[in-house]
N, C-alpha and C. Protein backbone atom coordinates (compact mmCIF):
# COMPACT_ATOMS: atom_id res chain seq x y z
N MET A 1 0.99 -1.44 0.01
CA MET A 1 0.09 -0.03 -0.32
C MET A 1 0.72 1.53 0.35
N LEU A 2 0.49 2.50 -0.65
CA LEU A 2 0.94 3.54 -0.77
C LEU A 2 0.32 4.76 0.02
N SER A 3 0.75 5.46 1.09
CA SER A 3 0.14 6.40 2.09
C SER A 3 0.70 7.99 1.48
N LEU A 4 0.17 8.74 1.36
CA LEU A 4 0.66 10.11 1.24
C LEU A 4 0.35 10.64 2.32
N ASP A 5 -0.05 11.20 3.18
CA ASP A 5 -0.09 11.69 4.62
C ASP A 5 0.44 13.44 4.73
N HIS A 6 -0.74 14.40 4.31
CA HIS A 6 -0.78 15.52 4.75
C HIS A 6 0.69 16.03 3.97
N VAL A 7 0.78 15.65 2.64
CA VAL A 7 2.07 16.03 1.85
C VAL A 7 2.46 17.10 0.92
N ASP A 8 3.50 18.07 1.92
CA ASP A 8 3.66 19.57 1.02
C ASP A 8 4.85 19.20 0.37
N LEU A 9 5.21 19.74 -0.68
CA LEU A 9 5.70 20.13 -1.89
C LEU A 9 5.98 21.27 -2.46
N ALA A 10 7.23 21.76 -2.55
CA ALA A 10 7.49 22.86 -3.09
C ALA A 10 9.05 23.07 -3.66
N ILE A 11 8.92 23.54 -4.61
CA ILE A 11 10.27 24.29 -5.66
C ILE A 11 10.42 25.71 -5.41
N ASP A 12 11.22 25.60 -4.24
CA ASP A 12 11.75 27.84 -4.33
C ASP A 12 10.58 27.75 -3.63
N ASP A 13 9.98 29.15 -4.54
CA ASP A 13 8.97 29.51 -3.93
C ASP A 13 7.11 28.61 -4.07
N LEU A 14 7.83 27.91 -5.49
CA LEU A 14 6.27 27.24 -5.95
C LEU A 14 6.03 26.46 -5.34
N SER A 15 4.45 26.16 -4.61
CA SER A 15 4.24 25.01 -4.02
C SER A 15 3.52 23.88 -5.30
N LEU A 16 3.92 22.65 -5.89
CA LEU A 16 3.45 21.67 -6.23
C LEU A 16 2.66 21.09 -5.48
N VAL A 17 2.83 20.58 -4.58
CA VAL A 17 2.02 19.89 -3.65
C VAL A 17 1.61 20.46 -2.85
N SER A 18 0.14 20.39 -1.82
CA SER A 18 -0.38 21.41 -0.40
C SER A 18 -1.53 20.28 0.15
N ASP A 19 -0.99 19.91 1.42
CA ASP A 19 -1.43 19.09 2.19
C ASP A 19 -2.81 17.99 1.19
N LEU A 20 -1.41 16.85 0.90
CA LEU A 20 -2.03 16.26 -0.37
C LEU A 20 -2.29 14.87 0.22
N THR A 21 -3.85 13.90 0.71
CA THR A 21 -3.74 13.31 1.50
C THR A 21 -4.13 12.37 0.83
N LEU A 22 -3.60 10.76 0.20
CA LEU A 22 -3.57 9.60 -0.67
C LEU A 22 -3.39 8.58 -0.09
N THR A 23 -4.37 7.37 -0.40
CA THR A 23 -4.23 5.76 -0.72
C THR A 23 -4.47 4.97 -1.01
N THR A 24 -3.87 4.20 -1.81
CA THR A 24 -4.27 2.90 -2.75
C THR A 24 -3.48 1.81 -2.09
N GLU A 25 -4.32 1.53 -3.40
CA GLU A 25 -4.13 0.08 -1.90
C GLU A 25 -3.40 -1.01 -3.58
N PRO A 26 -3.49 -2.17 -2.41
CA PRO A 26 -2.79 -3.67 -4.14
C PRO A 26 -2.68 -3.09 -4.87
N GLY A 27 -1.60 -3.63 -6.18
CA GLY A 27 -2.82 -3.53 -7.31
C GLY A 27 -3.76 -2.93 -7.94
N THR A 28 -3.22 -1.22 -7.07
CA THR A 28 -4.06 0.18 -8.09
C THR A 28 -2.66 0.41 -8.88
N VAL A 29 -3.54 1.26 -9.87
CA VAL A 29 -2.76 2.30 -10.84
C VAL A 29 -3.29 3.88 -10.03
N LEU A 30 -2.23 4.19 -9.62
CA LEU A 30 -2.12 5.86 -9.83
C LEU A 30 -1.10 6.45 -10.52
N ALA A 31 -1.58 7.12 -12.32
CA ALA A 31 -1.46 7.59 -13.06
C ALA A 31 -1.96 9.15 -12.50
N VAL A 32 -0.60 10.32 -13.17
CA VAL A 32 -0.20 11.58 -12.62
C VAL A 32 -0.08 12.17 -13.57
N THR A 33 -0.87 13.63 -13.85
CA THR A 33 -0.47 14.17 -14.70
C THR A 33 -0.63 15.33 -14.78
N GLY A 34 -0.41 16.31 -15.69
CA GLY A 34 -0.13 17.50 -15.35
C GLY A 34 0.58 18.38 -16.91
N PRO A 35 0.90 19.10 -17.17
CA PRO A 35 1.50 20.00 -17.67
C PRO A 35 3.41 19.93 -17.38
N ASN A 36 4.00 19.73 -18.70
CA ASN A 36 5.18 20.16 -17.77
C ASN A 36 5.52 21.00 -17.08
N GLY A 37 6.31 21.20 -15.98
CA GLY A 37 7.30 21.69 -14.71
C GLY A 37 5.70 21.50 -13.65
N SER A 38 4.91 20.59 -14.19
CA SER A 38 3.82 20.95 -13.15
C SER A 38 4.12 20.11 -12.04
N GLY A 39 5.20 19.35 -11.47
CA GLY A 39 6.14 19.36 -11.10
C GLY A 39 5.92 17.56 -10.68
N LYS A 40 5.32 16.50 -11.80
CA LYS A 40 5.49 15.34 -11.48
C LYS A 40 6.37 14.42 -11.33
N SER A 41 7.60 14.49 -12.14
CA SER A 41 8.54 14.29 -11.63
C SER A 41 9.46 14.32 -10.43
N THR A 42 9.63 15.62 -9.53
CA THR A 42 9.51 15.80 -8.11
C THR A 42 8.99 14.80 -7.26
N LEU A 43 7.60 14.71 -7.32
CA LEU A 43 6.13 13.56 -6.48
C LEU A 43 7.30 12.83 -7.28
N LEU A 44 7.46 11.97 -8.22
CA LEU A 44 7.84 10.41 -8.40
C LEU A 44 9.60 10.78 -7.73
N ARG A 45 9.47 11.00 -7.68
CA ARG A 45 11.31 11.11 -6.98
C ARG A 45 11.09 11.55 -4.97
N CYS A 46 10.07 11.93 -4.67
CA CYS A 46 9.46 11.62 -3.26
C CYS A 46 8.80 10.62 -3.23
N ILE A 47 8.40 9.76 -3.93
CA ILE A 47 7.22 9.23 -3.69
C ILE A 47 8.07 7.26 -4.05
N ALA A 48 9.50 7.94 -4.71
CA ALA A 48 10.71 6.73 -4.26
C ALA A 48 11.56 6.67 -3.21
N GLY A 49 11.25 7.85 -2.93
CA GLY A 49 12.34 8.16 -1.42
C GLY A 49 14.20 8.90 -1.72
N LEU A 50 13.56 9.18 -2.75
CA LEU A 50 15.18 9.85 -3.74
C LEU A 50 15.08 11.42 -3.68
N ARG A 51 14.14 11.82 -2.89
CA ARG A 51 13.36 13.12 -2.47
C ARG A 51 12.28 13.41 -1.10
N PRO A 52 13.03 14.65 -0.35
CA PRO A 52 12.38 14.72 1.22
C PRO A 52 11.14 15.39 0.89
N VAL A 53 9.76 14.98 1.20
CA VAL A 53 8.80 16.13 0.97
C VAL A 53 9.04 17.26 2.09
N ASP A 54 8.24 18.44 1.76
CA ASP A 54 8.60 19.75 3.79
C ASP A 54 7.29 19.74 4.11
N GLY A 55 6.49 18.61 4.15
CA GLY A 55 5.57 18.41 4.97
C GLY A 55 5.08 16.81 5.02
N GLY A 56 4.68 16.39 5.44
CA GLY A 56 3.81 15.08 6.19
C GLY A 56 4.97 14.19 5.99
N THR A 57 4.29 13.07 4.92
CA THR A 57 4.97 12.22 5.59
C THR A 57 4.74 11.06 3.92
N ILE A 58 5.38 10.23 3.25
CA ILE A 58 5.31 9.14 2.22
C ILE A 58 5.51 7.80 3.08
N SER A 59 4.71 6.42 2.50
CA SER A 59 5.28 5.37 2.84
C SER A 59 4.29 4.77 2.04
N VAL A 60 5.83 3.63 2.15
CA VAL A 60 5.27 1.88 1.33
C VAL A 60 4.89 1.07 2.74
N SER A 61 3.79 -0.24 1.85
CA SER A 61 3.44 -0.63 3.04
C SER A 61 4.20 -0.47 4.68
N GLY A 62 4.32 0.74 4.90
CA GLY A 62 4.35 1.10 6.79
C GLY A 62 5.78 1.48 6.71
N ILE A 63 6.66 1.38 5.69
CA ILE A 63 7.71 2.03 5.31
C ILE A 63 8.13 3.45 5.43
N THR A 64 8.48 4.31 5.61
CA THR A 64 8.75 5.54 5.32
C THR A 64 9.50 5.62 3.95
N ALA A 65 9.00 6.25 2.83
CA ALA A 65 10.03 6.55 1.87
C ALA A 65 11.33 7.07 1.66
N ASP A 66 12.12 6.06 1.59
CA ASP A 66 13.13 6.98 1.95
C ASP A 66 14.58 6.23 1.12
N GLU A 67 14.88 6.48 0.42
CA GLU A 67 16.42 4.90 -0.45
C GLU A 67 17.59 4.81 -0.12
N THR A 68 17.91 5.19 0.95
CA THR A 68 18.85 5.36 2.00
C THR A 68 18.89 3.54 2.97
N ASP A 69 17.10 3.58 3.21
CA ASP A 69 16.68 2.12 3.84
C ASP A 69 16.76 1.58 3.26
N PRO A 70 17.64 -0.05 3.59
CA PRO A 70 17.21 -0.62 2.58
C PRO A 70 15.58 -1.31 2.42
N HIS A 71 15.16 -1.57 3.33
CA HIS A 71 13.88 -1.93 3.91
C HIS A 71 13.18 -1.92 2.38
N PHE A 72 13.03 0.05 2.77
CA PHE A 72 12.40 0.78 1.96
C PHE A 72 12.33 0.36 0.29
N ARG A 73 14.28 -0.25 0.43
CA ARG A 73 14.76 0.00 -1.07
C ARG A 73 14.19 -1.39 -1.85
N GLY A 74 13.73 -2.30 -0.61
CA GLY A 74 14.11 -3.21 -1.55
C GLY A 74 11.58 -3.82 -1.61
N LEU A 75 11.89 -2.93 -1.29
CA LEU A 75 9.90 -2.82 -1.77
C LEU A 75 9.57 -1.85 -2.92
N VAL A 76 10.92 -1.81 -3.73
CA VAL A 76 9.93 -0.39 -4.63
C VAL A 76 11.39 -1.16 -5.81
N ALA A 77 10.66 -0.37 -7.35
CA ALA A 77 11.37 -0.29 -8.37
C ALA A 77 10.71 1.01 -9.24
N ALA A 78 11.82 1.88 -9.48
CA ALA A 78 11.51 2.84 -10.40
C ALA A 78 12.14 2.97 -11.30
N HIS A 79 12.02 4.08 -12.27
CA HIS A 79 12.44 4.47 -13.64
C HIS A 79 11.86 5.95 -14.12
N LEU A 80 13.07 6.42 -13.31
CA LEU A 80 12.38 8.06 -13.93
C LEU A 80 13.52 8.56 -14.39
N GLY A 81 13.91 8.18 -16.39
CA GLY A 81 14.88 8.65 -17.07
C GLY A 81 16.01 9.13 -16.41
N ASP A 82 16.80 8.36 -15.40
CA ASP A 82 18.46 8.62 -15.39
C ASP A 82 19.02 7.36 -15.12
N ASP A 83 17.89 6.40 -15.49
CA ASP A 83 18.58 4.38 -15.24
C ASP A 83 20.19 5.16 -15.07
N ALA A 84 20.68 3.96 -14.11
CA ALA A 84 22.13 3.91 -14.38
C ALA A 84 22.36 2.75 -14.87
N VAL A 85 23.59 2.74 -15.37
CA VAL A 85 23.97 1.04 -16.28
C VAL A 85 25.46 1.30 -16.07
N PHE A 86 25.73 -0.25 -16.16
CA PHE A 86 27.50 -0.72 -15.86
C PHE A 86 27.87 -0.50 -16.99
N PRO A 87 28.75 -0.38 -17.33
CA PRO A 87 29.26 -0.46 -18.95
C PRO A 87 29.86 -1.23 -19.37
N GLU A 88 30.01 -2.16 -18.77
CA GLU A 88 30.39 -3.97 -18.67
C GLU A 88 29.28 -4.71 -18.66
N LEU A 89 28.28 -4.38 -18.30
CA LEU A 89 27.04 -5.74 -18.93
C LEU A 89 26.38 -6.01 -19.57
N THR A 90 26.44 -6.44 -20.53
CA THR A 90 25.31 -6.76 -21.69
C THR A 90 23.98 -6.68 -20.61
N VAL A 91 22.64 -6.49 -21.70
CA VAL A 91 21.47 -5.97 -21.76
C VAL A 91 21.37 -7.32 -20.66
N ALA A 92 21.47 -8.73 -21.30
CA ALA A 92 20.72 -9.61 -20.48
C ALA A 92 21.88 -10.18 -19.45
N GLU A 93 23.02 -9.32 -19.36
CA GLU A 93 23.98 -9.86 -17.79
C GLU A 93 23.09 -8.83 -17.36
N HIS A 94 22.70 -7.48 -17.09
CA HIS A 94 22.44 -6.80 -16.59
C HIS A 94 21.07 -7.38 -15.76
N LEU A 95 19.57 -7.45 -16.44
CA LEU A 95 18.40 -8.03 -15.88
C LEU A 95 19.32 -9.10 -15.59
N GLU A 96 19.91 -10.79 -15.23
CA GLU A 96 20.86 -11.84 -14.61
C GLU A 96 21.02 -11.28 -13.38
N LEU A 97 21.70 -10.18 -13.24
CA LEU A 97 22.40 -9.61 -12.03
C LEU A 97 21.17 -9.05 -10.94
N LEU A 98 20.26 -7.85 -11.53
CA LEU A 98 18.44 -8.00 -11.43
C LEU A 98 18.34 -9.30 -10.63
N CYS A 99 18.31 -9.83 -11.46
CA CYS A 99 16.88 -10.97 -11.26
C CYS A 99 17.82 -11.91 -9.95
N ALA A 100 18.89 -11.90 -9.78
CA ALA A 100 19.82 -12.59 -8.32
C ALA A 100 19.78 -12.27 -7.86
N THR A 101 19.37 -10.41 -7.81
CA THR A 101 19.46 -9.49 -6.27
C THR A 101 18.40 -9.62 -5.73
N ARG A 102 17.33 -9.87 -6.68
CA ARG A 102 15.93 -10.14 -5.89
C ARG A 102 15.27 -11.83 -5.44
N GLY A 103 16.30 -12.38 -5.81
CA GLY A 103 16.05 -12.76 -6.04
C GLY A 103 15.11 -14.65 -6.60
N LEU A 104 15.09 -14.27 -7.20
CA LEU A 104 14.40 -15.06 -9.32
C LEU A 104 15.35 -15.02 -9.99
N ALA A 105 14.25 -15.87 -10.88
CA ALA A 105 15.25 -17.43 -11.95
C ALA A 105 15.94 -16.17 -12.78
N ALA A 106 16.77 -16.76 -13.50
CA ALA A 106 17.27 -15.64 -14.34
C ALA A 106 16.10 -15.35 -15.46
N HIS A 107 15.30 -16.48 -15.76
CA HIS A 107 14.90 -16.59 -16.98
C HIS A 107 13.50 -15.94 -17.00
N ILE A 108 13.17 -15.30 -15.95
CA ILE A 108 12.41 -14.36 -16.04
C ILE A 108 12.48 -12.46 -16.83
N GLY A 109 13.92 -12.63 -16.77
CA GLY A 109 14.73 -11.02 -17.31
C GLY A 109 14.95 -11.98 -18.88
N ASP A 110 15.20 -12.95 -19.60
CA ASP A 110 14.86 -13.25 -20.63
C ASP A 110 13.38 -13.60 -21.14
N ASP A 111 12.93 -13.68 -20.68
CA ASP A 111 11.20 -13.37 -20.13
C ASP A 111 10.62 -12.19 -21.08
N LEU A 112 10.83 -11.39 -19.92
CA LEU A 112 11.26 -9.71 -19.98
C LEU A 112 11.32 -9.71 -21.22
N LEU A 113 12.43 -9.17 -22.20
CA LEU A 113 13.27 -9.64 -23.29
C LEU A 113 12.59 -9.97 -24.52
N VAL A 114 11.56 -11.16 -24.31
CA VAL A 114 10.87 -11.78 -25.32
C VAL A 114 9.69 -11.25 -25.40
N THR A 115 9.25 -9.85 -24.45
CA THR A 115 7.97 -9.62 -24.43
C THR A 115 8.23 -8.48 -24.75
N ALA A 116 9.00 -7.78 -24.71
CA ALA A 116 9.65 -6.41 -24.95
C ALA A 116 10.15 -6.30 -26.63
N GLY A 117 10.19 -7.59 -27.77
CA GLY A 117 10.76 -7.25 -28.96
C GLY A 117 11.87 -7.76 -28.76
N ILE A 118 13.16 -7.50 -28.17
CA ILE A 118 14.27 -7.67 -27.93
C ILE A 118 15.35 -8.16 -27.19
N ASP A 119 14.96 -9.72 -27.40
CA ASP A 119 15.84 -10.38 -26.84
C ASP A 119 16.87 -11.48 -28.10
N HIS A 120 16.85 -10.70 -29.24
CA HIS A 120 17.80 -9.97 -30.21
C HIS A 120 18.92 -9.39 -30.12
N LEU A 121 18.46 -8.90 -28.69
CA LEU A 121 19.87 -8.16 -29.14
C LEU A 121 19.98 -8.33 -27.39
N ALA A 122 20.06 -9.26 -26.95
CA ALA A 122 20.46 -9.93 -25.57
C ALA A 122 21.57 -10.18 -24.71
N ASP A 123 22.66 -10.03 -25.98
CA ASP A 123 24.58 -9.63 -26.24
C ASP A 123 24.50 -8.18 -26.69
N ARG A 124 24.24 -7.50 -26.42
CA ARG A 124 24.18 -5.78 -27.18
C ARG A 124 25.30 -4.77 -25.49
N PHE A 125 25.36 -3.70 -25.46
CA PHE A 125 25.39 -3.36 -24.32
C PHE A 125 24.25 -1.85 -24.79
N PRO A 126 23.83 -1.63 -23.53
CA PRO A 126 23.07 -0.60 -23.48
C PRO A 126 23.07 0.40 -24.10
N HIS A 127 24.64 0.88 -23.76
CA HIS A 127 25.07 2.75 -24.52
C HIS A 127 24.71 2.08 -25.82
N ALA A 128 25.48 0.89 -26.18
CA ALA A 128 24.61 0.58 -28.34
C ALA A 128 23.61 0.16 -28.96
N LEU A 129 22.16 0.17 -27.86
CA LEU A 129 20.72 0.55 -28.42
C LEU A 129 20.14 1.71 -29.12
N SER A 130 19.25 1.71 -29.84
CA SER A 130 18.41 3.15 -29.76
C SER A 130 17.93 3.40 -29.19
N THR A 131 17.31 4.89 -29.27
CA THR A 131 16.61 4.84 -28.60
C THR A 131 15.30 4.75 -27.43
N GLY A 132 15.13 4.34 -28.57
CA GLY A 132 13.79 2.93 -28.32
C GLY A 132 13.94 1.71 -27.69
N GLN A 133 14.55 1.09 -28.31
CA GLN A 133 15.18 -0.52 -27.75
C GLN A 133 16.07 -0.05 -26.08
N ARG A 134 17.02 1.11 -25.99
CA ARG A 134 17.31 1.86 -24.89
C ARG A 134 16.01 1.56 -23.74
N ALA A 135 14.39 2.33 -24.31
CA ALA A 135 13.70 3.00 -23.37
C ALA A 135 13.33 0.92 -22.76
N ARG A 136 12.19 0.10 -23.97
CA ARG A 136 12.08 -1.04 -23.85
C ARG A 136 13.21 -1.90 -22.84
N PHE A 137 14.70 -1.38 -22.81
CA PHE A 137 15.48 -2.29 -21.78
C PHE A 137 15.52 -2.22 -20.51
N ASP A 138 15.24 -0.29 -20.15
CA ASP A 138 15.27 -0.11 -19.20
C ASP A 138 13.86 0.08 -18.46
N LEU A 139 12.73 -0.25 -19.39
CA LEU A 139 11.71 -0.82 -18.58
C LEU A 139 11.22 -1.69 -18.21
N CYS A 140 11.92 -3.03 -18.99
CA CYS A 140 12.21 -4.15 -18.65
C CYS A 140 12.83 -4.33 -17.37
N ALA A 141 14.58 -3.96 -17.14
CA ALA A 141 14.41 -3.35 -15.97
C ALA A 141 14.25 -3.18 -14.87
N THR A 142 13.14 -2.41 -15.17
CA THR A 142 12.20 -1.63 -13.79
C THR A 142 10.86 -2.68 -13.59
N MET A 143 10.74 -3.74 -14.82
CA MET A 143 9.27 -4.33 -13.75
C MET A 143 9.53 -5.58 -14.23
N LEU A 144 11.05 -6.22 -13.22
CA LEU A 144 10.78 -7.32 -12.57
C LEU A 144 10.19 -7.57 -11.57
N PRO A 145 9.10 -8.55 -11.66
CA PRO A 145 8.14 -8.77 -10.21
C PRO A 145 9.06 -9.22 -8.97
N GLY A 146 8.13 -8.97 -8.01
CA GLY A 146 8.93 -9.06 -6.40
C GLY A 146 8.27 -7.27 -5.62
N THR A 147 8.13 -6.31 -6.74
CA THR A 147 8.51 -5.17 -5.80
C THR A 147 6.52 -4.31 -5.49
N ALA A 148 7.24 -4.33 -4.23
CA ALA A 148 5.39 -3.51 -3.96
C ALA A 148 5.00 -2.05 -4.32
N LEU A 149 5.85 -1.70 -4.64
CA LEU A 149 5.51 0.04 -5.70
C LEU A 149 6.46 -0.13 -7.22
N VAL A 150 5.84 0.12 -7.65
CA VAL A 150 7.03 0.26 -9.00
C VAL A 150 6.42 1.62 -9.34
N VAL A 151 7.56 2.51 -9.91
CA VAL A 151 7.55 3.97 -9.82
C VAL A 151 7.51 3.92 -11.82
N LEU A 152 7.47 5.08 -12.36
CA LEU A 152 8.07 5.12 -13.78
C LEU A 152 6.87 7.15 -14.27
N ASP A 153 7.94 7.19 -14.74
CA ASP A 153 8.07 8.72 -15.36
C ASP A 153 7.81 8.30 -16.62
N GLU A 154 6.63 8.35 -17.05
CA GLU A 154 7.01 9.03 -18.95
C GLU A 154 7.45 7.81 -19.41
N PRO A 155 7.01 6.54 -19.21
CA PRO A 155 7.57 5.39 -19.41
C PRO A 155 7.37 5.45 -21.08
N GLU A 156 6.49 6.27 -21.34
CA GLU A 156 5.68 6.43 -23.38
C GLU A 156 6.67 6.62 -23.78
N THR A 157 7.95 6.99 -23.70
CA THR A 157 8.71 8.07 -24.22
C THR A 157 9.76 7.60 -25.11
N GLY A 158 9.70 7.71 -25.92
CA GLY A 158 10.85 7.38 -27.46
C GLY A 158 9.95 5.25 -28.04
N LEU A 159 8.19 5.68 -27.29
CA LEU A 159 8.20 4.24 -27.66
C LEU A 159 7.24 5.06 -29.10
N ASP A 160 6.89 3.49 -29.53
CA ASP A 160 6.14 3.86 -30.78
C ASP A 160 4.47 2.97 -30.39
N HIS A 161 3.68 3.26 -31.36
CA HIS A 161 1.92 3.00 -30.73
C HIS A 161 1.92 1.12 -29.84
N ASP A 162 3.04 0.49 -30.79
CA ASP A 162 2.89 -0.67 -30.02
C ASP A 162 3.94 -0.80 -28.07
N GLY A 163 4.86 0.05 -28.39
CA GLY A 163 6.11 -0.06 -27.10
C GLY A 163 4.72 0.22 -26.02
N CYS A 164 4.22 1.10 -26.16
CA CYS A 164 2.66 1.86 -25.44
C CYS A 164 1.97 0.52 -25.09
N ALA A 165 1.82 0.32 -26.18
CA ALA A 165 0.46 -1.43 -25.78
C ALA A 165 1.09 -1.95 -24.96
N TRP A 166 2.66 -2.40 -25.13
CA TRP A 166 3.16 -3.60 -24.24
C TRP A 166 3.65 -2.58 -22.90
N VAL A 167 3.99 -0.98 -22.56
CA VAL A 167 3.85 -1.08 -21.09
C VAL A 167 2.33 -0.92 -20.56
N ALA A 168 1.40 -1.13 -20.87
CA ALA A 168 0.29 -1.30 -20.22
C ALA A 168 0.11 -2.43 -20.03
N ARG A 169 0.41 -3.05 -20.88
CA ARG A 169 0.38 -4.91 -20.26
C ARG A 169 1.40 -4.76 -19.13
N LEU A 170 2.69 -4.43 -19.33
CA LEU A 170 3.53 -4.45 -17.88
C LEU A 170 3.02 -4.14 -16.86
N VAL A 171 2.13 -2.79 -16.78
CA VAL A 171 1.73 -2.37 -16.05
C VAL A 171 0.65 -3.25 -15.44
N GLY A 172 -0.53 -3.50 -16.40
CA GLY A 172 -1.59 -4.67 -16.69
C GLY A 172 -1.35 -5.83 -15.33
N ALA A 173 0.42 -6.23 -15.77
CA ALA A 173 0.40 -6.86 -15.18
C ALA A 173 0.79 -7.05 -13.28
N ALA A 174 1.85 -5.93 -13.25
CA ALA A 174 1.66 -6.06 -11.72
C ALA A 174 2.08 -5.75 -11.15
N CYS A 175 0.16 -4.72 -11.87
CA CYS A 175 -1.10 -4.59 -10.82
C CYS A 175 -1.71 -6.18 -10.26
N ASP A 176 -1.54 -7.29 -11.19
CA ASP A 176 -2.44 -8.51 -11.22
C ASP A 176 -1.80 -9.07 -10.13
N ALA A 177 -0.18 -8.72 -9.70
CA ALA A 177 0.86 -9.38 -8.91
C ALA A 177 0.48 -8.84 -7.33
N GLY A 178 -0.08 -7.89 -7.61
CA GLY A 178 -0.42 -6.45 -6.11
C GLY A 178 0.28 -5.97 -6.16
N SER A 179 1.30 -5.65 -7.18
CA SER A 179 1.84 -3.87 -6.86
C SER A 179 1.51 -2.40 -6.84
N VAL A 180 1.82 -1.99 -6.37
CA VAL A 180 0.72 -0.88 -6.68
C VAL A 180 1.94 -0.06 -7.82
N VAL A 181 0.63 0.74 -8.88
CA VAL A 181 2.17 1.21 -9.63
C VAL A 181 1.71 2.88 -9.91
N VAL A 182 2.86 3.74 -10.23
CA VAL A 182 2.52 5.35 -9.71
C VAL A 182 3.21 5.78 -11.37
N VAL A 183 2.27 6.11 -12.05
CA VAL A 183 3.46 6.12 -13.59
C VAL A 183 2.78 7.85 -13.58
N ALA A 184 3.75 8.90 -13.85
CA ALA A 184 3.02 9.59 -14.69
C ALA A 184 3.56 10.17 -16.00
N THR A 185 2.29 10.83 -16.72
CA THR A 185 2.56 10.51 -18.83
C THR A 185 1.07 11.24 -19.02
N HIS A 186 1.80 11.36 -19.78
CA HIS A 186 1.31 12.31 -20.40
C HIS A 186 0.11 11.58 -21.54
N ARG A 187 -0.41 10.70 -20.77
CA ARG A 187 -0.74 9.54 -22.09
C ARG A 187 -1.45 9.47 -21.55
N PRO A 188 -2.43 9.33 -20.22
CA PRO A 188 -3.64 8.46 -19.24
C PRO A 188 -4.10 7.47 -20.02
N GLU A 189 -4.49 7.92 -21.49
CA GLU A 189 -5.17 6.73 -21.72
C GLU A 189 -5.00 5.45 -21.77
N MET A 190 -3.79 5.53 -21.17
CA MET A 190 -2.87 4.50 -22.20
C MET A 190 -3.37 3.31 -20.53
N PHE A 191 -3.76 3.75 -19.37
CA PHE A 191 -4.26 3.22 -18.87
C PHE A 191 -5.42 2.68 -18.29
N THR A 192 -6.53 3.05 -19.20
CA THR A 192 -8.17 3.45 -19.59
C THR A 192 -8.15 1.85 -18.53
N ASP A 193 -7.72 0.90 -19.61
CA ASP A 193 -8.12 -0.45 -19.05
C ASP A 193 -8.30 -0.76 -17.47
N LEU A 194 -7.17 0.01 -16.91
CA LEU A 194 -6.58 -0.79 -15.17
C LEU A 194 -7.49 0.46 -14.37
N ALA A 195 -8.67 1.33 -15.33
CA ALA A 195 -8.91 2.45 -14.34
C ALA A 195 -8.28 2.92 -12.61
N PRO A 196 -7.90 3.88 -13.88
CA PRO A 196 -6.29 4.32 -12.70
C PRO A 196 -7.38 5.28 -11.47
N VAL A 197 -6.25 5.31 -10.70
CA VAL A 197 -6.71 6.92 -9.98
C VAL A 197 -5.89 8.06 -10.34
N THR A 198 -6.41 9.31 -10.39
CA THR A 198 -5.26 10.09 -11.36
C THR A 198 -6.01 10.97 -10.36
N LEU A 199 -4.36 11.78 -10.29
CA LEU A 199 -3.70 12.64 -9.92
C LEU A 199 -3.03 13.44 -10.42
N GLU A 200 -4.30 15.17 -10.30
CA GLU A 200 -3.65 15.63 -11.87
C GLU A 200 -2.85 17.17 -10.84
N MET A 201 -1.42 17.74 -11.49
CA MET A 201 -1.02 18.42 -10.63
C MET A 201 -1.05 20.04 -11.67
N GLY A 202 -0.86 20.73 -11.04
CA GLY A 202 -0.79 22.22 -11.10
C GLY A 202 -1.87 22.46 -11.05
N ARG A 203 -2.62 22.05 -10.14
CA ARG A 203 -4.34 22.75 -10.63
C ARG A 203 -4.39 23.31 -9.63
């Protein structure tokens, strides 16, 4: 469960969120919408524990959002557009390492590459991928199962129509497995079939 309790968030003197209280149950999509500059990405960084809020609290399964806390870190997977990779590891090796750290079978990463349509790129290095291929790889790395919360910042970026449909299926599978998925998006219609809770920023 994701809980935002009387959250205040500001940049300089600009208030982005004031006294926001929201609870989302497992299996729920929270779609964060709004124009560029409205604070979507900043809020997602707070939810992922990468930035403190200015007031109130954010918690996941009762644990305060703080990326330095290993217990919290084990609950969350985030795709925030600045995903770091190990330059010496191939696409397949990255996913194998992530699966090992989460106690997952290695084939799960391989299976995700197949659904993403990039299994033929398994032996390439991430920096050698095209923009669309890299977007799919980053999402594969984020969407491995087993986390209580998945945070996605505009996952449609760099993807074509088929890629966007694939993202919606991934999000649906994560919800079916009991995760809360928070997604900042300019295309909330991608997730209509999942009946998302919508939070509109900049209102």
